[in-house]
């Protein structure tokens, strides 16, 4: 959810050289009502040393979502968050 939130709408607003969003009450986090109804997680045992299962998926999530949207719409996306774009 953290990676999806970052791709969908997280952005720090800047005005007059200062951050506008100074706390989480104004920072645009993905809300539970906006989250997918179902999320499937698969942890693959590899026999390698434990490297984590929570943080590693975050960096590739936004590119994966953007690639899926480009495949669906044919419209290139060059800026995040996705909330700045319209999809029809």
PDB file of N, CA and C in Angstrom:
ATOM      1  N   UNK A   1       0.814  -1.179   0.000  1.00  0.00           N
ATOM      2  CA  UNK A   1       0.000   0.000   0.000  1.00  0.00           C
ATOM      3  C   UNK A   1       0.869   1.259   0.000  1.00  0.00           C
ATOM      4  N   UNK A   2       2.006   1.196   0.661  1.00  0.00           N
ATOM      5  CA  UNK A   2       2.879   2.362   0.700  1.00  0.00           C
ATOM      6  C   UNK A   2       3.387   2.708  -0.702  1.00  0.00           C
ATOM      7  N   UNK A   3       3.777   1.714  -1.467  1.00  0.00           N
ATOM      8  CA  UNK A   3       4.254   1.953  -2.821  1.00  0.00           C
ATOM      9  C   UNK A   3       3.150   2.437  -3.738  1.00  0.00           C
ATOM     10  N   UNK A   4       1.961   1.872  -3.601  1.00  0.00           N
ATOM     11  CA  UNK A   4       0.819   2.297  -4.413  1.00  0.00           C
ATOM     12  C   UNK A   4       0.422   3.722  -4.055  1.00  0.00           C
ATOM     13  N   UNK A   5       0.459   4.044  -2.783  1.00  0.00           N
ATOM     14  CA  UNK A   5       0.146   5.401  -2.336  1.00  0.00           C
ATOM     15  C   UNK A   5       1.113   6.412  -2.942  1.00  0.00           C
ATOM     16  N   UNK A   6       2.407   6.065  -2.949  1.00  0.00           N
ATOM     17  CA  UNK A   6       3.407   6.956  -3.523  1.00  0.00           C
ATOM     18  C   UNK A   6       3.177   7.167  -5.014  1.00  0.00           C
ATOM     19  N   UNK A   7       2.844   6.114  -5.729  1.00  0.00           N
ATOM     20  CA  UNK A   7       2.615   6.215  -7.175  1.00  0.00           C
ATOM     21  C   UNK A   7       1.334   6.980  -7.495  1.00  0.00           C
ATOM     22  N   UNK A   8       0.314   6.785  -6.683  1.00  0.00           N
ATOM     23  CA  UNK A   8      -0.993   7.363  -6.987  1.00  0.00           C
ATOM     24  C   UNK A   8      -1.115   8.845  -6.641  1.00  0.00           C
ATOM     25  N   UNK A   9      -0.591   9.250  -5.475  1.00  0.00           N
ATOM     26  CA  UNK A   9      -0.879  10.624  -5.111  1.00  0.00           C
ATOM     27  C   UNK A   9       0.068  11.337  -4.192  1.00  0.00           C
ATOM     28  N   UNK A  10       1.054  10.661  -3.653  1.00  0.00           N
ATOM     29  CA  UNK A  10       1.921  11.336  -2.697  1.00  0.00           C
ATOM     30  C   UNK A  10       2.808  12.365  -3.381  1.00  0.00           C
ATOM     31  N   UNK A  11       2.793  13.545  -2.838  1.00  0.00           N
ATOM     32  CA  UNK A  11       3.641  14.632  -3.320  1.00  0.00           C
ATOM     33  C   UNK A  11       3.649  15.716  -2.250  1.00  0.00           C
ATOM     34  N   UNK A  12       4.779  16.278  -1.999  1.00  0.00           N
ATOM     35  CA  UNK A  12       4.875  17.374  -1.046  1.00  0.00           C
ATOM     36  C   UNK A  12       4.675  18.672  -1.812  1.00  0.00           C
ATOM     37  N   UNK A  13       3.664  19.421  -1.420  1.00  0.00           N
ATOM     38  CA  UNK A  13       3.424  20.710  -2.053  1.00  0.00           C
ATOM     39  C   UNK A  13       4.449  21.732  -1.590  1.00  0.00           C
ATOM     40  N   UNK A  14       4.933  22.547  -2.503  1.00  0.00           N
ATOM     41  CA  UNK A  14       5.928  23.572  -2.188  1.00  0.00           C
ATOM     42  C   UNK A  14       5.373  24.929  -2.607  1.00  0.00           C
ATOM     43  N   UNK A  15       5.422  25.896  -1.688  1.00  0.00           N
ATOM     44  CA  UNK A  15       5.009  27.265  -1.994  1.00  0.00           C
ATOM     45  C   UNK A  15       5.994  28.214  -1.327  1.00  0.00           C
ATOM     46  N   UNK A  16       6.451  29.186  -2.064  1.00  0.00           N
ATOM     47  CA  UNK A  16       7.417  30.162  -1.550  1.00  0.00           C
ATOM     48  C   UNK A  16       8.653  29.487  -0.958  1.00  0.00           C
ATOM     49  N   UNK A  17       9.088  28.398  -1.589  1.00  0.00           N
ATOM     50  CA  UNK A  17      10.289  27.705  -1.163  1.00  0.00           C
ATOM     51  C   UNK A  17      10.152  26.863   0.094  1.00  0.00           C
ATOM     52  N   UNK A  18       8.920  26.657   0.566  1.00  0.00           N
ATOM     53  CA  UNK A  18       8.699  25.876   1.780  1.00  0.00           C
ATOM     54  C   UNK A  18       7.651  24.800   1.530  1.00  0.00           C
ATOM     55  N   UNK A  19       7.753  23.728   2.303  1.00  0.00           N
ATOM     56  CA  UNK A  19       6.774  22.645   2.207  1.00  0.00           C
ATOM     57  C   UNK A  19       5.426  23.127   2.726  1.00  0.00           C
ATOM     58  N   UNK A  20       4.383  22.890   1.940  1.00  0.00           N
ATOM     59  CA  UNK A  20       3.023  23.250   2.342  1.00  0.00           C
ATOM     60  C   UNK A  20       2.469  22.169   3.269  1.00  0.00           C
ATOM     61  N   UNK A  21       2.707  20.927   2.923  1.00  0.00           N
ATOM     62  CA  UNK A  21       2.220  19.798   3.712  1.00  0.00           C
ATOM     63  C   UNK A  21       3.202  19.551   4.847  1.00  0.00           C
ATOM     64  N   UNK A  22       2.824  19.943   6.039  1.00  0.00           N
ATOM     65  CA  UNK A  22       3.739  19.863   7.166  1.00  0.00           C
ATOM     66  C   UNK A  22       3.377  18.741   8.137  1.00  0.00           C
ATOM     67  N   UNK A  23       2.302  18.013   7.850  1.00  0.00           N
ATOM     68  CA  UNK A  23       1.899  16.908   8.707  1.00  0.00           C
ATOM     69  C   UNK A  23       1.044  15.961   7.886  1.00  0.00           C
ATOM     70  N   UNK A  24       0.776  14.772   8.423  1.00  0.00           N
ATOM     71  CA  UNK A  24       0.028  13.770   7.659  1.00  0.00           C
ATOM     72  C   UNK A  24      -1.449  14.113   7.482  1.00  0.00           C
ATOM     73  N   UNK A  25      -1.978  15.079   8.204  1.00  0.00           N
ATOM     74  CA  UNK A  25      -3.384  15.437   8.013  1.00  0.00           C
ATOM     75  C   UNK A  25      -3.618  16.166   6.693  1.00  0.00           C
ATOM     76  N   UNK A  26      -2.558  16.741   6.106  1.00  0.00           N
ATOM     77  CA  UNK A  26      -2.696  17.405   4.804  1.00  0.00           C
ATOM     78  C   UNK A  26      -1.916  16.711   3.700  1.00  0.00           C
ATOM     79  N   UNK A  27      -1.069  15.756   4.076  1.00  0.00           N
ATOM     80  CA  UNK A  27      -0.269  15.024   3.082  1.00  0.00           C
ATOM     81  C   UNK A  27      -1.164  13.994   2.393  1.00  0.00           C
ATOM     82  N   UNK A  28      -1.134  13.906   1.061  1.00  0.00           N
ATOM     83  CA  UNK A  28      -2.081  13.060   0.324  1.00  0.00           C
ATOM     84  C   UNK A  28      -1.735  11.560   0.334  1.00  0.00           C
ATOM     85  N   UNK A  29      -1.975  10.881   1.441  1.00  0.00           N
ATOM     86  CA  UNK A  29      -1.781   9.433   1.518  1.00  0.00           C
ATOM     87  C   UNK A  29      -2.987   8.703   0.947  1.00  0.00           C
ATOM     88  N   UNK A  30      -2.773   7.519   0.394  1.00  0.00           N
ATOM     89  CA  UNK A  30      -3.867   6.687  -0.076  1.00  0.00           C
ATOM     90  C   UNK A  30      -4.685   6.254   1.134  1.00  0.00           C
ATOM     91  N   UNK A  31      -5.985   6.418   1.071  1.00  0.00           N
ATOM     92  CA  UNK A  31      -6.866   6.060   2.179  1.00  0.00           C
ATOM     93  C   UNK A  31      -7.361   4.628   2.005  1.00  0.00           C
ATOM     94  N   UNK A  32      -7.791   4.032   3.085  1.00  0.00           N
ATOM     95  CA  UNK A  32      -8.277   2.645   3.043  1.00  0.00           C
ATOM     96  C   UNK A  32      -9.416   2.504   2.035  1.00  0.00           C
ATOM     97  N   UNK A  33     -10.286   3.491   1.943  1.00  0.00           N
ATOM     98  CA  UNK A  33     -11.414   3.428   1.003  1.00  0.00           C
ATOM     99  C   UNK A  33     -10.962   3.495  -0.457  1.00  0.00           C
ATOM    100  N   UNK A  34      -9.725   3.922  -0.701  1.00  0.00           N
ATOM    101  CA  UNK A  34      -9.186   4.003  -2.055  1.00  0.00           C
ATOM    102  C   UNK A  34      -8.313   2.800  -2.403  1.00  0.00           C
ATOM    103  N   UNK A  35      -8.096   1.927  -1.461  1.00  0.00           N
ATOM    104  CA  UNK A  35      -7.207   0.793  -1.679  1.00  0.00           C
ATOM    105  C   UNK A  35      -7.933  -0.341  -2.401  1.00  0.00           C
ATOM    106  N   UNK A  36      -7.176  -1.214  -3.029  1.00  0.00           N
ATOM    107  CA  UNK A  36      -7.793  -2.365  -3.699  1.00  0.00           C
ATOM    108  C   UNK A  36      -8.546  -3.238  -2.695  1.00  0.00           C
ATOM    109  N   UNK A  37      -9.626  -3.851  -3.145  1.00  0.00           N
ATOM    110  CA  UNK A  37     -10.419  -4.716  -2.276  1.00  0.00           C
ATOM    111  C   UNK A  37      -9.641  -5.964  -1.869  1.00  0.00           C
ATOM    112  N   UNK A  38      -8.732  -6.387  -2.721  1.00  0.00           N
ATOM    113  CA  UNK A  38      -7.963  -7.600  -2.441  1.00  0.00           C
ATOM    114  C   UNK A  38      -6.511  -7.384  -2.857  1.00  0.00           C
ATOM    115  N   UNK A  39      -5.604  -7.793  -2.005  1.00  0.00           N
ATOM    116  CA  UNK A  39      -4.182  -7.733  -2.300  1.00  0.00           C
ATOM    117  C   UNK A  39      -3.612  -9.111  -2.011  1.00  0.00           C
ATOM    118  N   UNK A  40      -2.960  -9.682  -2.995  1.00  0.00           N
ATOM    119  CA  UNK A  40      -2.365 -11.008  -2.824  1.00  0.00           C
ATOM    120  C   UNK A  40      -0.857 -10.860  -2.701  1.00  0.00           C
ATOM    121  N   UNK A  41      -0.308 -11.478  -1.677  1.00  0.00           N
ATOM    122  CA  UNK A  41       1.130 -11.438  -1.442  1.00  0.00           C
ATOM    123  C   UNK A  41       1.685 -12.852  -1.460  1.00  0.00           C
ATOM    124  N   UNK A  42       2.736 -13.049  -2.209  1.00  0.00           N
ATOM    125  CA  UNK A  42       3.377 -14.357  -2.290  1.00  0.00           C
ATOM    126  C   UNK A  42       4.836 -14.196  -1.878  1.00  0.00           C
ATOM    127  N   UNK A  43       5.235 -14.903  -0.839  1.00  0.00           N
ATOM    128  CA  UNK A  43       6.621 -14.890  -0.389  1.00  0.00           C
ATOM    129  C   UNK A  43       7.259 -16.181  -0.894  1.00  0.00           C
ATOM    130  N   UNK A  44       8.285 -16.048  -1.698  1.00  0.00           N
ATOM    131  CA  UNK A  44       8.932 -17.199  -2.316  1.00  0.00           C
ATOM    132  C   UNK A  44      10.154 -17.604  -1.495  1.00  0.00           C
ATOM    133  N   UNK A  45      10.166 -18.845  -1.059  1.00  0.00           N
ATOM    134  CA  UNK A  45      11.332 -19.358  -0.351  1.00  0.00           C
ATOM    135  C   UNK A  45      12.405 -19.705  -1.375  1.00  0.00           C
ATOM    136  N   UNK A  46      13.609 -19.175  -1.158  1.00  0.00           N
ATOM    137  CA  UNK A  46      14.675 -19.392  -2.132  1.00  0.00           C
ATOM    138  C   UNK A  46      15.868 -20.143  -1.561  1.00  0.00           C
ATOM    139  N   UNK A  47      15.927 -20.248  -0.249  1.00  0.00           N
ATOM    140  CA  UNK A  47      17.091 -20.862   0.360  1.00  0.00           C
ATOM    141  C   UNK A  47      18.223 -19.877   0.586  1.00  0.00           C
ATOM    142  N   UNK A  48      18.078 -18.654   0.096  1.00  0.00           N
ATOM    143  CA  UNK A  48      19.089 -17.616   0.301  1.00  0.00           C
ATOM    144  C   UNK A  48      18.908 -16.982   1.673  1.00  0.00           C
ATOM    145  N   UNK A  49      19.889 -16.202   2.093  1.00  0.00           N
ATOM    146  CA  UNK A  49      19.784 -15.475   3.352  1.00  0.00           C
ATOM    147  C   UNK A  49      18.606 -14.505   3.288  1.00  0.00           C
ATOM    148  N   UNK A  50      17.948 -14.330   4.409  1.00  0.00           N
ATOM    149  CA  UNK A  50      16.778 -13.445   4.472  1.00  0.00           C
ATOM    150  C   UNK A  50      17.172 -12.034   4.069  1.00  0.00           C
ATOM    151  N   UNK A  51      16.413 -11.468   3.149  1.00  0.00           N
ATOM    152  CA  UNK A  51      16.715 -10.132   2.664  1.00  0.00           C
ATOM    153  C   UNK A  51      15.563  -9.172   2.838  1.00  0.00           C
ATOM    154  N   UNK A  52      14.454  -9.635   3.373  1.00  0.00           N
ATOM    155  CA  UNK A  52      13.303  -8.766   3.578  1.00  0.00           C
ATOM    156  C   UNK A  52      12.200  -9.029   2.582  1.00  0.00           C
ATOM    157  N   UNK A  53      10.967  -8.850   3.028  1.00  0.00           N
ATOM    158  CA  UNK A  53       9.821  -9.024   2.140  1.00  0.00           C
ATOM    159  C   UNK A  53       8.930  -7.791   2.123  1.00  0.00           C
ATOM    160  N   UNK A  54       9.227  -6.785   2.936  1.00  0.00           N
ATOM    161  CA  UNK A  54       8.378  -5.607   3.000  1.00  0.00           C
ATOM    162  C   UNK A  54       8.871  -4.451   2.168  1.00  0.00           C
ATOM    163  N   UNK A  55      10.125  -4.103   2.308  1.00  0.00           N
ATOM    164  CA  UNK A  55      10.669  -2.929   1.634  1.00  0.00           C
ATOM    165  C   UNK A  55      11.081  -3.167   0.176  1.00  0.00           C
ATOM    166  N   UNK A  56      11.663  -4.311  -0.193  1.00  0.00           N
ATOM    167  CA  UNK A  56      12.144  -4.483  -1.567  1.00  0.00           C
ATOM    168  C   UNK A  56      11.106  -4.269  -2.680  1.00  0.00           C
ATOM    169  N   UNK A  57       9.817  -4.568  -2.468  1.00  0.00           N
ATOM    170  CA  UNK A  57       8.865  -4.350  -3.570  1.00  0.00           C
ATOM    171  C   UNK A  57       8.513  -2.889  -3.830  1.00  0.00           C
ATOM    172  N   UNK A  58       8.870  -1.978  -2.940  1.00  0.00           N
ATOM    173  CA  UNK A  58       8.456  -0.584  -3.113  1.00  0.00           C
ATOM    174  C   UNK A  58       9.009   0.086  -4.368  1.00  0.00           C
ATOM    175  N   UNK A  59      10.311   0.054  -4.641  1.00  0.00           N
ATOM    176  CA  UNK A  59      10.824   0.772  -5.821  1.00  0.00           C
ATOM    177  C   UNK A  59      10.233   0.326  -7.162  1.00  0.00           C
ATOM    178  N   UNK A  60      10.012  -0.966  -7.420  1.00  0.00           N
ATOM    179  CA  UNK A  60       9.487  -1.327  -8.738  1.00  0.00           C
ATOM    180  C   UNK A  60       7.975  -1.191  -8.880  1.00  0.00           C
ATOM    181  N   UNK A  61       7.256  -0.841  -7.812  1.00  0.00           N
ATOM    182  CA  UNK A  61       5.799  -0.787  -7.909  1.00  0.00           C
ATOM    183  C   UNK A  61       5.319   0.311  -8.854  1.00  0.00           C
ATOM    184  N   UNK A  62       5.832   1.526  -8.696  1.00  0.00           N
ATOM    185  CA  UNK A  62       5.387   2.625  -9.565  1.00  0.00           C
ATOM    186  C   UNK A  62       5.674   2.346 -11.039  1.00  0.00           C
ATOM    187  N   UNK A  63       6.879   1.898 -11.410  1.00  0.00           N
ATOM    188  CA  UNK A  63       7.099   1.578 -12.824  1.00  0.00           C
ATOM    189  C   UNK A  63       6.173   0.480 -13.343  1.00  0.00           C
ATOM    190  N   UNK A  64       5.851  -0.504 -12.507  1.00  0.00           N
ATOM    191  CA  UNK A  64       4.951  -1.574 -12.942  1.00  0.00           C
ATOM    192  C   UNK A  64       3.551  -1.032 -13.207  1.00  0.00           C
ATOM    193  N   UNK A  65       3.060  -0.169 -12.320  1.00  0.00           N
ATOM    194  CA  UNK A  65       1.728   0.427 -12.505  1.00  0.00           C
ATOM    195  C   UNK A  65       1.722   1.317 -13.742  1.00  0.00           C
ATOM    196  N   UNK A  66       2.767   2.137 -13.909  1.00  0.00           N
ATOM    197  CA  UNK A  66       2.852   3.025 -15.076  1.00  0.00           C
ATOM    198  C   UNK A  66       2.922   2.223 -16.368  1.00  0.00           C
ATOM    199  N   UNK A  67       3.717   1.159 -16.399  1.00  0.00           N
ATOM    200  CA  UNK A  67       3.793   0.319 -17.602  1.00  0.00           C
ATOM    201  C   UNK A  67       2.442  -0.286 -17.935  1.00  0.00           C
ATOM    202  N   UNK A  68       1.693  -0.715 -16.922  1.00  0.00           N
ATOM    203  CA  UNK A  68       0.356  -1.274 -17.167  1.00  0.00           C
ATOM    204  C   UNK A  68      -0.572  -0.205 -17.745  1.00  0.00           C
ATOM    205  N   UNK A  69      -0.521   1.006 -17.201  1.00  0.00           N
ATOM    206  CA  UNK A  69      -1.368   2.084 -17.720  1.00  0.00           C
ATOM    207  C   UNK A  69      -0.992   2.466 -19.146  1.00  0.00           C
ATOM    208  N   UNK A  70       0.288   2.497 -19.446  1.00  0.00           N
ATOM    209  CA  UNK A  70       0.734   2.801 -20.809  1.00  0.00           C
ATOM    210  C   UNK A  70       0.252   1.715 -21.764  1.00  0.00           C
ATOM    211  N   UNK A  71       0.320   0.462 -21.336  1.00  0.00           N
ATOM    212  CA  UNK A  71      -0.153  -0.644 -22.182  1.00  0.00           C
ATOM    213  C   UNK A  71      -1.661  -0.528 -22.429  1.00  0.00           C
ATOM    214  N   UNK A  72      -2.400  -0.061 -21.438  1.00  0.00           N
ATOM    215  CA  UNK A  72      -3.856   0.075 -21.585  1.00  0.00           C
ATOM    216  C   UNK A  72      -4.260   1.290 -22.404  1.00  0.00           C
ATOM    217  N   UNK A  73      -3.572   2.412 -22.206  1.00  0.00           N
ATOM    218  CA  UNK A  73      -3.997   3.665 -22.818  1.00  0.00           C
ATOM    219  C   UNK A  73      -3.168   4.092 -24.022  1.00  0.00           C
ATOM    220  N   UNK A  74      -1.926   3.616 -24.111  1.00  0.00           N
ATOM    221  CA  UNK A  74      -1.030   4.069 -25.166  1.00  0.00           C
ATOM    222  C   UNK A  74      -0.474   5.461 -24.909  1.00  0.00           C
ATOM    223  N   UNK A  75      -0.822   6.040 -23.754  1.00  0.00           N
ATOM    224  CA  UNK A  75      -0.398   7.394 -23.411  1.00  0.00           C
ATOM    225  C   UNK A  75       0.834   7.327 -22.510  1.00  0.00           C
ATOM    226  N   UNK A  76       1.961   7.937 -22.917  1.00  0.00           N
ATOM    227  CA  UNK A  76       3.147   7.899 -22.066  1.00  0.00           C
ATOM    228  C   UNK A  76       2.943   8.706 -20.791  1.00  0.00           C
ATOM    229  N   UNK A  77       3.508   8.227 -19.708  1.00  0.00           N
ATOM    230  CA  UNK A  77       3.429   8.910 -18.419  1.00  0.00           C
ATOM    231  C   UNK A  77       4.866   9.205 -17.995  1.00  0.00           C
ATOM    232  N   UNK A  78       5.169  10.467 -17.798  1.00  0.00           N
ATOM    233  CA  UNK A  78       6.530  10.857 -17.484  1.00  0.00           C
ATOM    234  C   UNK A  78       6.651  11.565 -16.135  1.00  0.00           C
ATOM    235  N   UNK A  79       5.553  11.599 -15.384  1.00  0.00           N
ATOM    236  CA  UNK A  79       5.572  12.316 -14.118  1.00  0.00           C
ATOM    237  C   UNK A  79       4.650  11.637 -13.110  1.00  0.00           C
ATOM    238  N   UNK A  80       5.117  11.574 -11.880  1.00  0.00           N
ATOM    239  CA  UNK A  80       4.298  11.074 -10.782  1.00  0.00           C
ATOM    240  C   UNK A  80       4.012  12.248  -9.855  1.00  0.00           C
ATOM    241  N   UNK A  81       2.946  12.183  -9.097  1.00  0.00           N
ATOM    242  CA  UNK A  81       2.040  11.076  -8.904  1.00  0.00           C
ATOM    243  C   UNK A  81       1.001  10.979 -10.022  1.00  0.00           C
ATOM    244  N   UNK A  82       0.396   9.825 -10.113  1.00  0.00           N
ATOM    245  CA  UNK A  82      -0.591   9.563 -11.163  1.00  0.00           C
ATOM    246  C   UNK A  82      -1.849  10.411 -11.013  1.00  0.00           C
ATOM    247  N   UNK A  83      -2.099  10.942  -9.824  1.00  0.00           N
ATOM    248  CA  UNK A  83      -3.269  11.787  -9.606  1.00  0.00           C
ATOM    249  C   UNK A  83      -3.200  13.086 -10.425  1.00  0.00           C
ATOM    250  N   UNK A  84      -2.063  13.406 -10.964  1.00  0.00           N
ATOM    251  CA  UNK A  84      -1.915  14.604 -11.803  1.00  0.00           C
ATOM    252  C   UNK A  84      -2.340  14.350 -13.244  1.00  0.00           C
ATOM    253  N   UNK A  85      -2.692  13.126 -13.552  1.00  0.00           N
ATOM    254  CA  UNK A  85      -3.059  12.739 -14.918  1.00  0.00           C
ATOM    255  C   UNK A  85      -4.538  12.376 -14.986  1.00  0.00           C
ATOM    256  N   UNK A  86      -5.097  12.455 -16.197  1.00  0.00           N
ATOM    257  CA  UNK A  86      -6.459  11.987 -16.421  1.00  0.00           C
ATOM    258  C   UNK A  86      -6.398  10.798 -17.365  1.00  0.00           C
ATOM    259  N   UNK A  87      -7.209   9.813 -17.082  1.00  0.00           N
ATOM    260  CA  UNK A  87      -7.264   8.597 -17.905  1.00  0.00           C
ATOM    261  C   UNK A  87      -8.703   8.395 -18.335  1.00  0.00           C
ATOM    262  N   UNK A  88      -8.899   8.301 -19.637  1.00  0.00           N
ATOM    263  CA  UNK A  88     -10.264   8.102 -20.137  1.00  0.00           C
ATOM    264  C   UNK A  88     -10.286   6.937 -21.103  1.00  0.00           C
TER     265      UNK A  88
END
